[in-house]
C-alpha atoms as a PDB file:
ATOM      1  CA  MET A   1     -32.436 -18.427  80.043  1.00  0.00           C
ATOM      2  CA  PRO A   2     -33.711 -21.554  78.212  1.00  0.00           C
ATOM      3  CA  THR A   3     -35.068 -21.080  74.699  1.00  0.00           C
ATOM      4  CA  SER A   4     -38.907 -21.352  74.537  1.00  0.00           C
ATOM      5  CA  THR A   5     -40.508 -24.083  72.428  1.00  0.00           C
ATOM      6  CA  SER A   6     -42.108 -21.559  69.968  1.00  0.00           C
ATOM      7  CA  THR A   7     -38.820 -19.717  69.504  1.00  0.00           C
ATOM      8  CA  ALA A   8     -36.966 -23.067  68.800  1.00  0.00           C
ATOM      9  CA  THR A   9     -39.663 -24.056  66.362  1.00  0.00           C
ATOM     10  CA  SER A  10     -39.451 -20.639  64.571  1.00  0.00           C
ATOM     11  CA  ARG A  11     -35.749 -20.978  64.216  1.00  0.00           C
ATOM     12  CA  ARG A  12     -35.988 -24.584  62.934  1.00  0.00           C
ATOM     13  CA  LEU A  13     -38.642 -23.525  60.365  1.00  0.00           C
ATOM     14  CA  LEU A  14     -36.155 -20.801  59.211  1.00  0.00           C
ATOM     15  CA  SER A  15     -33.333 -23.346  58.884  1.00  0.00           C
ATOM     16  CA  LEU A  16     -35.576 -25.691  57.019  1.00  0.00           C
ATOM     17  CA  LEU A  17     -36.656 -22.990  54.529  1.00  0.00           C
ATOM     18  CA  SER A  18     -33.067 -21.929  54.018  1.00  0.00           C
ATOM     19  CA  LEU A  19     -31.997 -25.546  53.229  1.00  0.00           C
ATOM     20  CA  LEU A  20     -34.869 -25.975  50.788  1.00  0.00           C
ATOM     21  CA  GLN A  21     -33.945 -22.732  48.968  1.00  0.00           C
ATOM     22  CA  VAL A  22     -30.347 -23.803  48.227  1.00  0.00           C
ATOM     23  CA  ARG A  23     -30.961 -27.274  46.690  1.00  0.00           C
ATOM     24  CA  ARG A  24     -33.753 -28.419  44.449  1.00  0.00           C
ATOM     25  CA  ASP A  25     -34.391 -31.893  46.045  1.00  0.00           C
ATOM     26  CA  TRP A  26     -33.839 -32.912  49.649  1.00  0.00           C
ATOM     27  CA  PRO A  27     -34.185 -36.451  50.956  1.00  0.00           C
ATOM     28  CA  GLY A  28     -36.163 -36.420  54.200  1.00  0.00           C
ATOM     29  CA  GLY A  29     -33.547 -38.264  56.137  1.00  0.00           C
ATOM     30  CA  LEU A  30     -30.845 -35.762  55.184  1.00  0.00           C
ATOM     31  CA  LEU A  31     -33.113 -32.930  56.267  1.00  0.00           C
ATOM     32  CA  ALA A  32     -33.658 -34.614  59.612  1.00  0.00           C
ATOM     33  CA  GLU A  33     -29.985 -35.078  59.959  1.00  0.00           C
ATOM     34  CA  ARG A  34     -29.076 -31.454  59.184  1.00  0.00           C
ATOM     35  CA  LEU A  35     -31.743 -30.094  61.602  1.00  0.00           C
ATOM     36  CA  ALA A  36     -30.901 -32.697  64.239  1.00  0.00           C
ATOM     37  CA  VAL A  37     -34.538 -33.728  64.590  1.00  0.00           C
ATOM     38  CA  SER A  38     -36.558 -36.787  63.748  1.00  0.00           C
ATOM     39  CA  GLY A  39     -38.266 -37.435  60.338  1.00  0.00           C
ATOM     40  CA  ARG A  40     -41.697 -36.877  61.996  1.00  0.00           C
ATOM     41  CA  THR A  41     -40.635 -33.445  63.108  1.00  0.00           C
ATOM     42  CA  VAL A  42     -39.543 -32.584  59.619  1.00  0.00           C
ATOM     43  CA  ARG A  43     -43.013 -33.586  58.233  1.00  0.00           C
ATOM     44  CA  ARG A  44     -44.674 -31.460  60.857  1.00  0.00           C
ATOM     45  CA  ASP A  45     -42.384 -28.447  59.967  1.00  0.00           C
ATOM     46  CA  VAL A  46     -42.986 -28.921  56.245  1.00  0.00           C
ATOM     47  CA  ASP A  47     -46.763 -28.822  56.955  1.00  0.00           C
ATOM     48  CA  ARG A  48     -46.280 -25.533  58.943  1.00  0.00           C
ATOM     49  CA  LEU A  49     -44.466 -24.008  55.999  1.00  0.00           C
ATOM     50  CA  ARG A  50     -47.261 -25.081  53.624  1.00  0.00           C
ATOM     51  CA  GLU A  51     -49.759 -23.307  55.940  1.00  0.00           C
ATOM     52  CA  LEU A  52     -47.736 -20.183  55.526  1.00  0.00           C
ATOM     53  CA  GLY A  53     -47.988 -20.344  51.814  1.00  0.00           C
ATOM     54  CA  TYR A  54     -44.793 -22.120  50.739  1.00  0.00           C
ATOM     55  CA  PRO A  55     -45.458 -24.624  47.922  1.00  0.00           C
ATOM     56  CA  ILE A  56     -43.500 -27.664  49.084  1.00  0.00           C
ATOM     57  CA  GLN A  57     -43.903 -30.737  47.182  1.00  0.00           C
ATOM     58  CA  ALA A  58     -43.289 -34.292  48.556  1.00  0.00           C
ATOM     59  CA  ILE A  59     -40.859 -36.368  46.377  1.00  0.00           C
ATOM     60  CA  LYS A  60     -41.750 -40.049  45.890  1.00  0.00           C
ATOM     61  CA  GLY A  61     -39.052 -42.690  45.864  1.00  0.00           C
ATOM     62  CA  PRO A  62     -37.106 -45.089  48.157  1.00  0.00           C
ATOM     63  CA  GLU A  63     -35.903 -42.268  50.441  1.00  0.00           C
ATOM     64  CA  GLY A  64     -38.656 -39.757  49.886  1.00  0.00           C
ATOM     65  CA  GLY A  65     -38.025 -36.088  50.234  1.00  0.00           C
ATOM     66  CA  TYR A  66     -39.212 -32.546  49.551  1.00  0.00           C
ATOM     67  CA  ARG A  67     -38.906 -29.759  46.924  1.00  0.00           C
ATOM     68  CA  LEU A  68     -39.592 -26.101  47.239  1.00  0.00           C
ATOM     69  CA  GLU A  69     -41.618 -25.087  44.104  1.00  0.00           C
ATOM     70  CA  ALA A  70     -42.407 -21.649  42.630  1.00  0.00           C
ATOM     71  CA  GLY A  71     -45.818 -20.543  43.754  1.00  0.00           C
ATOM     72  CA  SER A  72     -48.595 -18.313  42.403  1.00  0.00           C
ATOM     73  CA  GLU A  73     -48.671 -16.017  45.410  1.00  0.00           C
ATOM     74  CA  LEU A  74     -45.853 -14.437  47.498  1.00  0.00           C
ATOM     75  CA  PRO A  75     -45.808 -16.089  50.928  1.00  0.00           C
ATOM     76  CA  PRO A  76     -44.328 -14.499  54.013  1.00  0.00           C
ATOM     77  CA  LEU A  77     -40.539 -14.345  53.575  1.00  0.00           C
ATOM     78  CA  LEU A  78     -38.134 -15.703  56.165  1.00  0.00           C
ATOM     79  CA  PHE A  79     -34.456 -14.660  56.226  1.00  0.00           C
ATOM     80  CA  ASP A  80     -31.622 -15.406  58.511  1.00  0.00           C
ATOM     81  CA  ASP A  81     -29.578 -12.491  59.975  1.00  0.00           C
ATOM     82  CA  GLU A  82     -27.072 -12.264  57.164  1.00  0.00           C
ATOM     83  CA  GLN A  83     -29.713 -12.474  54.456  1.00  0.00           C
ATOM     84  CA  ALA A  84     -31.804  -9.712  56.107  1.00  0.00           C
ATOM     85  CA  VAL A  85     -28.804  -7.383  56.293  1.00  0.00           C
ATOM     86  CA  ALA A  86     -27.773  -8.124  52.764  1.00  0.00           C
ATOM     87  CA  LEU A  87     -31.285  -7.410  51.529  1.00  0.00           C
ATOM     88  CA  ALA A  88     -31.437  -4.097  53.353  1.00  0.00           C
ATOM     89  CA  VAL A  89     -28.058  -3.048  51.981  1.00  0.00           C
ATOM     90  CA  ALA A  90     -29.019  -4.072  48.428  1.00  0.00           C
ATOM     91  CA  LEU A  91     -32.239  -1.934  48.640  1.00  0.00           C
ATOM     92  CA  ARG A  92     -30.211   0.998  49.880  1.00  0.00           C
ATOM     93  CA  ILE A  93     -27.848   0.966  46.938  1.00  0.00           C
ATOM     94  CA  ALA A  94     -30.625   0.208  44.426  1.00  0.00           C
ATOM     95  CA  VAL A  95     -31.327   3.975  44.181  1.00  0.00           C
ATOM     96  CA  GLY A  96     -27.924   4.356  42.323  1.00  0.00           C
ATOM     97  CA  THR A  97     -28.623   1.865  39.546  1.00  0.00           C
ATOM     98  CA  GLY A  98     -30.675   4.064  37.342  1.00  0.00           C
ATOM     99  CA  ALA A  99     -33.225   1.248  36.930  1.00  0.00           C
ATOM    100  CA  GLY A 100     -36.216   3.348  37.747  1.00  0.00           C
ATOM    101  CA  ILE A 101     -37.064   1.501  40.972  1.00  0.00           C
ATOM    102  CA  GLU A 102     -36.015   4.159  43.502  1.00  0.00           C
ATOM    103  CA  GLU A 103     -39.552   4.619  45.032  1.00  0.00           C
ATOM    104  CA  SER A 104     -40.266   0.875  45.206  1.00  0.00           C
ATOM    105  CA  ALA A 105     -36.819   0.211  46.741  1.00  0.00           C
ATOM    106  CA  ALA A 106     -37.409   2.869  49.365  1.00  0.00           C
ATOM    107  CA  ARG A 107     -40.763   1.467  50.274  1.00  0.00           C
ATOM    108  CA  ALA A 108     -39.329  -2.155  50.390  1.00  0.00           C
ATOM    109  CA  LEU A 109     -36.488  -0.952  52.666  1.00  0.00           C
ATOM    110  CA  ALA A 110     -38.880   0.724  55.018  1.00  0.00           C
ATOM    111  CA  THR A 111     -40.884  -2.493  55.275  1.00  0.00           C
ATOM    112  CA  VAL A 112     -37.709  -4.684  55.874  1.00  0.00           C
ATOM    113  CA  ARG A 113     -36.300  -2.173  58.415  1.00  0.00           C
ATOM    114  CA  GLN A 114     -39.564  -2.079  60.360  1.00  0.00           C
ATOM    115  CA  VAL A 115     -39.482  -5.812  61.031  1.00  0.00           C
ATOM    116  CA  LEU A 116     -35.770  -6.185  61.631  1.00  0.00           C
ATOM    117  CA  PRO A 117     -34.724  -6.972  65.160  1.00  0.00           C
ATOM    118  CA  SER A 118     -33.029  -4.020  66.929  1.00  0.00           C
ATOM    119  CA  ARG A 119     -29.585  -5.593  66.697  1.00  0.00           C
ATOM    120  CA  LEU A 120     -29.889  -5.958  62.930  1.00  0.00           C
ATOM    121  CA  ARG A 121     -31.514  -2.561  62.426  1.00  0.00           C
ATOM    122  CA  ALA A 122     -28.519  -0.920  64.153  1.00  0.00           C
ATOM    123  CA  ARG A 123     -26.217  -2.733  61.721  1.00  0.00           C
ATOM    124  CA  VAL A 124     -28.084  -1.396  58.712  1.00  0.00           C
ATOM    125  CA  ASP A 125     -28.507   2.139  60.043  1.00  0.00           C
ATOM    126  CA  ALA A 126     -24.815   2.284  60.809  1.00  0.00           C
ATOM    127  CA  LEU A 127     -23.987   1.762  57.142  1.00  0.00           C
ATOM    128  CA  GLU A 128     -23.658   5.114  55.396  1.00  0.00           C
ATOM    129  CA  LEU A 129     -24.021   4.947  51.682  1.00  0.00           C
ATOM    130  CA  ALA A 130     -23.266   7.939  49.429  1.00  0.00           C
ATOM    131  CA  ALA A 131     -25.607   6.708  46.677  1.00  0.00           C
ATOM    132  CA  SER A 132     -26.529   9.713  44.529  1.00  0.00           C
ATOM    133  CA  GLY A 133     -29.182   8.546  42.056  1.00  0.00           C
ATOM    134  CA  ALA A 134     -28.179   8.200  38.397  1.00  0.00           C
ATOM    135  CA  ASP A 135     -28.835  11.227  36.193  1.00  0.00           C
ATOM    136  CA  ILE A 136     -30.180   8.971  33.494  1.00  0.00           C
ATOM    137  CA  GLN A 137     -33.120   6.613  34.292  1.00  0.00           C
ATOM    138  CA  VAL A 138     -33.999   3.539  32.483  1.00  0.00           C
ATOM    139  CA  ASP A 139     -37.466   2.078  31.994  1.00  0.00           C
ATOM    140  CA  THR A 140     -37.705  -0.957  34.158  1.00  0.00           C
ATOM    141  CA  ARG A 141     -39.770  -2.756  31.583  1.00  0.00           C
ATOM    142  CA  VAL A 142     -37.045  -2.356  29.000  1.00  0.00           C
ATOM    143  CA  LEU A 143     -34.493  -3.840  31.341  1.00  0.00           C
ATOM    144  CA  VAL A 144     -36.853  -6.843  31.952  1.00  0.00           C
ATOM    145  CA  GLU A 145     -37.350  -7.396  28.271  1.00  0.00           C
ATOM    146  CA  LEU A 146     -33.669  -7.228  27.597  1.00  0.00           C
ATOM    147  CA  SER A 147     -32.908  -9.589  30.408  1.00  0.00           C
ATOM    148  CA  THR A 148     -35.386 -12.053  29.070  1.00  0.00           C
ATOM    149  CA  ALA A 149     -33.837 -11.769  25.624  1.00  0.00           C
ATOM    150  CA  VAL A 150     -30.365 -12.405  27.023  1.00  0.00           C
ATOM    151  CA  ARG A 151     -31.535 -15.512  28.919  1.00  0.00           C
ATOM    152  CA  SER A 152     -33.445 -16.907  25.986  1.00  0.00           C
ATOM    153  CA  ALA A 153     -30.698 -15.975  23.481  1.00  0.00           C
ATOM    154  CA  GLN A 154     -33.217 -14.166  21.246  1.00  0.00           C
ATOM    155  CA  GLU A 155     -32.332 -11.339  18.862  1.00  0.00           C
ATOM    156  CA  VAL A 156     -33.866  -7.894  19.649  1.00  0.00           C
ATOM    157  CA  ARG A 157     -34.859  -5.015  17.340  1.00  0.00           C
ATOM    158  CA  PHE A 158     -34.850  -1.364  18.407  1.00  0.00           C
ATOM    159  CA  ASP A 159     -34.656   2.179  17.388  1.00  0.00           C
ATOM    160  CA  TYR A 160     -31.579   3.937  18.866  1.00  0.00           C
ATOM    161  CA  GLN A 161     -30.721   7.478  19.617  1.00  0.00           C
ATOM    162  CA  GLY A 162     -26.971   7.678  19.040  1.00  0.00           C
ATOM    163  CA  SER A 163     -26.322  10.781  21.079  1.00  0.00           C
ATOM    164  CA  ALA A 164     -27.916  12.757  23.869  1.00  0.00           C
ATOM    165  CA  HIS A 165     -29.410  15.258  21.317  1.00  0.00           C
ATOM    166  CA  GLY A 166     -29.161  13.517  18.063  1.00  0.00           C
ATOM    167  CA  PRO A 167     -32.052  12.153  16.071  1.00  0.00           C
ATOM    168  CA  GLU A 168     -33.198   8.535  16.198  1.00  0.00           C
ATOM    169  CA  SER A 169     -31.889   6.193  13.440  1.00  0.00           C
ATOM    170  CA  ARG A 170     -34.631   5.729  10.878  1.00  0.00           C
ATOM    171  CA  ALA A 171     -33.809   2.124  10.236  1.00  0.00           C
ATOM    172  CA  PRO A 172     -34.210  -0.127  13.310  1.00  0.00           C
ATOM    173  CA  ARG A 173     -31.123  -1.768  14.682  1.00  0.00           C
ATOM    174  CA  ARG A 174     -30.864  -5.431  15.527  1.00  0.00           C
ATOM    175  CA  VAL A 175     -28.493  -7.157  17.963  1.00  0.00           C
ATOM    176  CA  GLN A 176     -27.904 -10.529  19.604  1.00  0.00           C
ATOM    177  CA  PRO A 177     -27.970  -9.513  23.292  1.00  0.00           C
ATOM    178  CA  HIS A 178     -25.381 -11.152  25.529  1.00  0.00           C
ATOM    179  CA  HIS A 179     -24.956  -9.032  28.710  1.00  0.00           C
ATOM    180  CA  LEU A 180     -26.577  -6.175  30.625  1.00  0.00           C
ATOM    181  CA  VAL A 181     -23.903  -4.150  32.637  1.00  0.00           C
ATOM    182  CA  VAL A 182     -24.068  -1.157  34.886  1.00  0.00           C
ATOM    183  CA  ARG A 183     -21.246   1.408  34.567  1.00  0.00           C
ATOM    184  CA  ASN A 184     -21.185   4.711  36.482  1.00  0.00           C
ATOM    185  CA  GLY A 185     -24.956   4.561  37.085  1.00  0.00           C
ATOM    186  CA  ARG A 186     -25.851   3.811  33.417  1.00  0.00           C
ATOM    187  CA  TRP A 187     -27.039   0.606  31.907  1.00  0.00           C
ATOM    188  CA  TYR A 188     -25.418  -0.813  28.753  1.00  0.00           C
ATOM    189  CA  LEU A 189     -26.405  -3.706  26.570  1.00  0.00           C
ATOM    190  CA  ILE A 190     -23.510  -5.699  25.116  1.00  0.00           C
ATOM    191  CA  GLY A 191     -24.303  -7.742  22.053  1.00  0.00           C
ATOM    192  CA  TRP A 192     -23.127  -9.113  18.702  1.00  0.00           C
ATOM    193  CA  ASP A 193     -24.243  -6.986  15.766  1.00  0.00           C
ATOM    194  CA  PRO A 194     -24.870  -9.444  12.842  1.00  0.00           C
ATOM    195  CA  ASP A 195     -25.033  -6.555  10.309  1.00  0.00           C
ATOM    196  CA  ARG A 196     -21.798  -5.163  11.261  1.00  0.00           C
ATOM    197  CA  GLU A 197     -20.255  -8.472  12.249  1.00  0.00           C
ATOM    198  CA  ASP A 198     -18.802  -7.030  15.434  1.00  0.00           C
ATOM    199  CA  TRP A 199     -19.503  -6.536  19.071  1.00  0.00           C
ATOM    200  CA  ARG A 200     -21.291  -3.380  20.058  1.00  0.00           C
ATOM    201  CA  SER A 201     -22.399  -1.616  23.222  1.00  0.00           C
ATOM    202  CA  PHE A 202     -25.648   0.367  23.585  1.00  0.00           C
ATOM    203  CA  ARG A 203     -26.922   2.684  26.262  1.00  0.00           C
ATOM    204  CA  VAL A 204     -30.235   1.190  27.311  1.00  0.00           C
ATOM    205  CA  ASP A 205     -31.828   4.558  28.099  1.00  0.00           C
ATOM    206  CA  ARG A 206     -31.416   5.386  24.305  1.00  0.00           C
ATOM    207  CA  MET A 207     -33.125   2.179  23.139  1.00  0.00           C
ATOM    208  CA  SER A 208     -36.764   1.977  21.965  1.00  0.00           C
ATOM    209  CA  LEU A 209     -37.548  -1.755  21.678  1.00  0.00           C
ATOM    210  CA  ARG A 210     -39.617  -3.095  18.751  1.00  0.00           C
ATOM    211  CA  VAL A 211     -41.789  -6.203  18.813  1.00  0.00           C
ATOM    212  CA  PRO A 212     -41.705  -8.974  18.145  1.00  0.00           C
ATOM    213  CA  ASN A 213     -38.114 -10.123  18.879  1.00  0.00           C
ATOM    214  CA  GLY A 214     -36.101 -11.779  16.157  1.00  0.00           C
ATOM    215  CA  PRO A 215     -34.825 -15.341  15.923  1.00  0.00           C
ATOM    216  CA  ARG A 216     -32.757 -17.222  18.404  1.00  0.00           C
ATOM    217  CA  PHE A 217     -28.975 -17.304  18.132  1.00  0.00           C
ATOM    218  CA  ALA A 218     -25.951 -19.217  19.398  1.00  0.00           C
ATOM    219  CA  ALA A 219     -24.263 -17.514  22.292  1.00  0.00           C
ATOM    220  CA  ARG A 220     -20.742 -16.163  21.900  1.00  0.00           C
ATOM    221  CA  GLU A 221     -17.997 -15.125  24.276  1.00  0.00           C
ATOM    222  CA  VAL A 222     -16.942 -11.404  24.489  1.00  0.00           C
ATOM    223  CA  PRO A 223     -13.328 -10.816  23.461  1.00  0.00           C
ATOM    224  CA  GLY A 224     -11.186 -11.638  26.514  1.00  0.00           C
ATOM    225  CA  GLY A 225     -14.014 -13.429  28.307  1.00  0.00           C
ATOM    226  CA  ASP A 226     -14.633 -10.556  30.860  1.00  0.00           C
ATOM    227  CA  VAL A 227     -17.591  -8.451  29.932  1.00  0.00           C
ATOM    228  CA  VAL A 228     -16.722  -5.660  32.474  1.00  0.00           C
ATOM    229  CA  ALA A 229     -13.136  -5.389  31.077  1.00  0.00           C
ATOM    230  CA  PHE A 230     -14.514  -5.428  27.571  1.00  0.00           C
ATOM    231  CA  LEU A 231     -16.809  -2.516  28.155  1.00  0.00           C
ATOM    232  CA  SER A 232     -14.010  -0.613  29.926  1.00  0.00           C
ATOM    233  CA  ALA A 233     -11.740  -1.180  26.976  1.00  0.00           C
ATOM    234  CA  ARG A 234     -14.389   0.179  24.576  1.00  0.00           C
ATOM    235  CA  PHE A 235     -14.582   3.382  26.725  1.00  0.00           C
ATOM    236  CA  LYS A 236     -10.803   3.746  26.387  1.00  0.00           C
ATOM    237  CA  GLY A 237     -11.055   3.269  22.590  1.00  0.00           C
ATOM    238  CA  SER A 238      -9.426  -0.090  22.552  1.00  0.00           C
ATOM    239  CA  ALA A 239     -10.925  -2.853  20.438  1.00  0.00           C
ATOM    240  CA  SER A 240      -9.316  -5.687  22.540  1.00  0.00           C
ATOM    241  CA  ALA A 241      -7.462  -5.434  25.777  1.00  0.00           C
ATOM    242  CA  ASP A 242      -8.479  -3.106  28.644  1.00  0.00           C
ATOM    243  CA  VAL A 243      -5.678  -0.618  28.030  1.00  0.00           C
ATOM    244  CA  TRP A 244      -5.314   2.845  26.553  1.00  0.00           C
ATOM    245  CA  PRO A 245      -4.271   2.727  22.878  1.00  0.00           C
ATOM    246  CA  CYS A 246      -2.036   5.814  23.324  1.00  0.00           C
ATOM    247  CA  ASN A 247       0.396   5.906  26.257  1.00  0.00           C
ATOM    248  CA  GLY A 248       3.038   8.555  27.005  1.00  0.00           C
ATOM    249  CA  GLU A 249       5.541   9.663  29.583  1.00  0.00           C
ATOM    250  CA  VAL A 250       5.989  13.305  30.578  1.00  0.00           C
ATOM    251  CA  ILE A 251       7.625  15.184  33.539  1.00  0.00           C
ATOM    252  CA  LEU A 252       5.598  18.054  35.031  1.00  0.00           C
ATOM    253  CA  ASP A 253       6.966  20.967  36.965  1.00  0.00           C
ATOM    254  CA  VAL A 254       4.558  20.503  39.861  1.00  0.00           C
ATOM    255  CA  PRO A 255       4.500  18.323  43.014  1.00  0.00           C
ATOM    256  CA  ALA A 256       2.910  14.880  42.772  1.00  0.00           C
ATOM    257  CA  ALA A 257       0.275  15.793  45.456  1.00  0.00           C
ATOM    258  CA  GLN A 258      -1.128  18.245  42.966  1.00  0.00           C
ATOM    259  CA  VAL A 259      -1.197  15.775  40.091  1.00  0.00           C
ATOM    260  CA  ALA A 260      -2.389  12.387  41.651  1.00  0.00           C
ATOM    261  CA  PRO A 261      -5.938  13.318  42.386  1.00  0.00           C
ATOM    262  CA  PHE A 262      -6.696  14.114  38.743  1.00  0.00           C
ATOM    263  CA  THR A 263      -5.040  11.369  36.765  1.00  0.00           C
ATOM    264  CA  GLY A 264      -7.345   8.362  37.168  1.00  0.00           C
ATOM    265  CA  ASP A 265      -5.436   5.174  36.376  1.00  0.00           C
ATOM    266  CA  ALA A 266      -2.192   6.948  35.478  1.00  0.00           C
ATOM    267  CA  VAL A 267       1.134   6.267  37.186  1.00  0.00           C
ATOM    268  CA  VAL A 268       2.417   9.193  39.194  1.00  0.00           C
ATOM    269  CA  GLU A 269       5.974   9.268  40.592  1.00  0.00           C
ATOM    270  CA  ALA A 270       7.287  12.103  42.794  1.00  0.00           C
ATOM    271  CA  LEU A 271      10.801  13.047  41.660  1.00  0.00           C
ATOM    272  CA  GLY A 272      11.751  14.802  44.970  1.00  0.00           C
ATOM    273  CA  ASP A 273      12.510  18.260  43.589  1.00  0.00           C
ATOM    274  CA  GLY A 274       8.874  19.416  43.237  1.00  0.00           C
ATOM    275  CA  ARG A 275       8.478  17.730  39.874  1.00  0.00           C
ATOM    276  CA  THR A 276       6.460  14.633  38.967  1.00  0.00           C
ATOM    277  CA  ARG A 277       6.903  11.841  36.432  1.00  0.00           C
ATOM    278  CA  LEU A 278       3.616  10.919  34.840  1.00  0.00           C
ATOM    279  CA  LEU A 279       2.789   7.803  32.785  1.00  0.00           C
ATOM    280  CA  ILE A 280      -0.625   8.372  31.308  1.00  0.00           C
ATOM    281  CA  GLY A 281      -2.927   6.983  28.535  1.00  0.00           C
ATOM    282  CA  SER A 282      -5.731   8.132  26.373  1.00  0.00           C
ATOM    283  CA  TRP A 283      -7.808   7.229  23.374  1.00  0.00           C
ATOM    284  CA  SER A 284      -5.783   9.526  21.058  1.00  0.00           C
ATOM    285  CA  TRP A 285      -2.437  11.289  21.039  1.00  0.00           C
ATOM    286  CA  VAL A 286      -3.918  14.756  20.852  1.00  0.00           C
ATOM    287  CA  ALA A 287      -6.375  13.890  23.622  1.00  0.00           C
ATOM    288  CA  LEU A 288      -3.361  12.714  25.665  1.00  0.00           C
ATOM    289  CA  ALA A 289      -1.498  15.967  25.138  1.00  0.00           C
ATOM    290  CA  ALA A 290      -4.677  17.900  26.061  1.00  0.00           C
ATOM    291  CA  ALA A 291      -5.015  15.949  29.266  1.00  0.00           C
ATOM    292  CA  VAL A 292      -1.423  16.718  30.230  1.00  0.00           C
ATOM    293  CA  THR A 293      -1.675  20.396  29.362  1.00  0.00           C
ATOM    294  CA  ARG A 294      -4.531  21.038  31.880  1.00  0.00           C
ATOM    295  CA  PHE A 295      -2.084  20.971  34.778  1.00  0.00           C
ATOM    296  CA  ASP A 296      -0.962  24.478  33.688  1.00  0.00           C
ATOM    297  CA  THR A 297       2.727  24.009  34.033  1.00  0.00           C
ATOM    298  CA  ASP A 298       6.005  23.396  32.105  1.00  0.00           C
ATOM    299  CA  ILE A 299       6.050  19.983  30.451  1.00  0.00           C
ATOM    300  CA  GLU A 300       8.978  17.802  29.389  1.00  0.00           C
ATOM    301  CA  VAL A 301       8.015  15.073  26.966  1.00  0.00           C
ATOM    302  CA  ILE A 302       9.983  11.810  27.572  1.00  0.00           C
ATOM    303  CA  GLY A 303       8.165  10.001  24.820  1.00  0.00           C
ATOM    304  CA  PRO A 304       7.130   8.571  22.497  1.00  0.00           C
ATOM    305  CA  PRO A 305       7.636  10.777  19.410  1.00  0.00           C
ATOM    306  CA  ALA A 306       3.935  10.543  18.576  1.00  0.00           C
ATOM    307  CA  LEU A 307       3.166  12.538  21.805  1.00  0.00           C
ATOM    308  CA  ARG A 308       5.549  15.216  20.795  1.00  0.00           C
ATOM    309  CA  ASP A 309       3.774  15.490  17.440  1.00  0.00           C
ATOM    310  CA  ALA A 310       0.424  15.697  19.161  1.00  0.00           C
ATOM    311  CA  PHE A 311       1.653  18.665  21.279  1.00  0.00           C
ATOM    312  CA  ALA A 312       2.649  20.304  17.940  1.00  0.00           C
ATOM    313  CA  THR A 313      -0.793  19.612  16.532  1.00  0.00           C
ATOM    314  CA  LEU A 314      -2.408  21.010  19.657  1.00  0.00           C
ATOM    315  CA  SER A 315      -0.175  24.174  19.439  1.00  0.00           C
ATOM    316  CA  ARG A 316      -1.123  24.847  15.850  1.00  0.00           C
ATOM    317  CA  ARG A 317      -4.834  24.503  16.789  1.00  0.00           C
ATOM    318  CA  ALA A 318      -4.463  26.767  19.835  1.00  0.00           C
ATOM    319  CA  ASP A 319      -2.709  29.433  17.720  1.00  0.00           C
ATOM    320  CA  ARG A 320      -5.491  29.339  15.136  1.00  0.00           C
ATOM    321  CA  ALA A 321      -8.016  29.591  17.886  1.00  0.00           C
ATOM    322  CA  ALA A 322      -6.321  32.561  19.455  1.00  0.00           C
ATOM    323  CA  ARG A 323      -6.152  34.428  16.052  1.00  0.00           C
ATOM    324  CA  GLY A 324      -9.725  33.535  15.235  1.00  0.00           C
ATOM    325  CA  VAL A 325      -8.668  31.676  12.145  1.00  0.00           C
ATOM    326  CA  ARG A 326     -10.391  28.392  11.020  1.00  0.00           C
END
């Protein structure tokens, strides 16, 4: 069945808008070439988009052209198929970010889904996402303020609650914010602390921002250049590389199938006789010994000696606990 004139025009308008969104300035002749139409048709289509509310400016010059500017009002949004599906998926997972936008995201998703063609709605509905909302919610306004400070390289001041039940620090903290990162449903600010002359990470839900912001600063690069790896390393107790500072090797008297689901990034090797070789790391030697002991089986320590010493320390503590002695 031949495509109707109105449908062809709508598709061409969508293509034109998509082109204007990916590049700041477009010569009119190049747009006509991309759309396989005449320059006159491009001018008519630009006028149609303007009538819909899109602020498209004409560019003067030898070739002439067009530029999509930011407007004061939100015009009707046009998306191609892949953009529409991507938007719906992003809205579905927004509930798990802890950014305090669950209700708004749900309403936006319902709006998008309502206008999706049936073929695209089926693709979105077929995607099952196990997104359980984060336990800790963050004030969206705080995220916006921190994002603005990161972009403008401007120091922030804030009160910080160092633990879930601890009191807030009396003196305000200050930091040069560089990155906002989501990890396991929680938001973290990564920044340079000029008072401590070191990098620090802060849970955003424990920050109470003060105004005004501080002075501007020169941006730095986090150690290693990868902010996600940097934060992961800090959670492992490592000041540099994303590795555990304490690593040991043991043999457990249980099958590997009973060990593997509970060891995270450890290396599990089945020895074939119902025993398992385990190479595992932790932030301290005693914590490493405790992690291995949880498997409730006989343990053979291969090394290093520091791990054997940690088991001895753990044994003494357990003995005192059993006897009720401090």
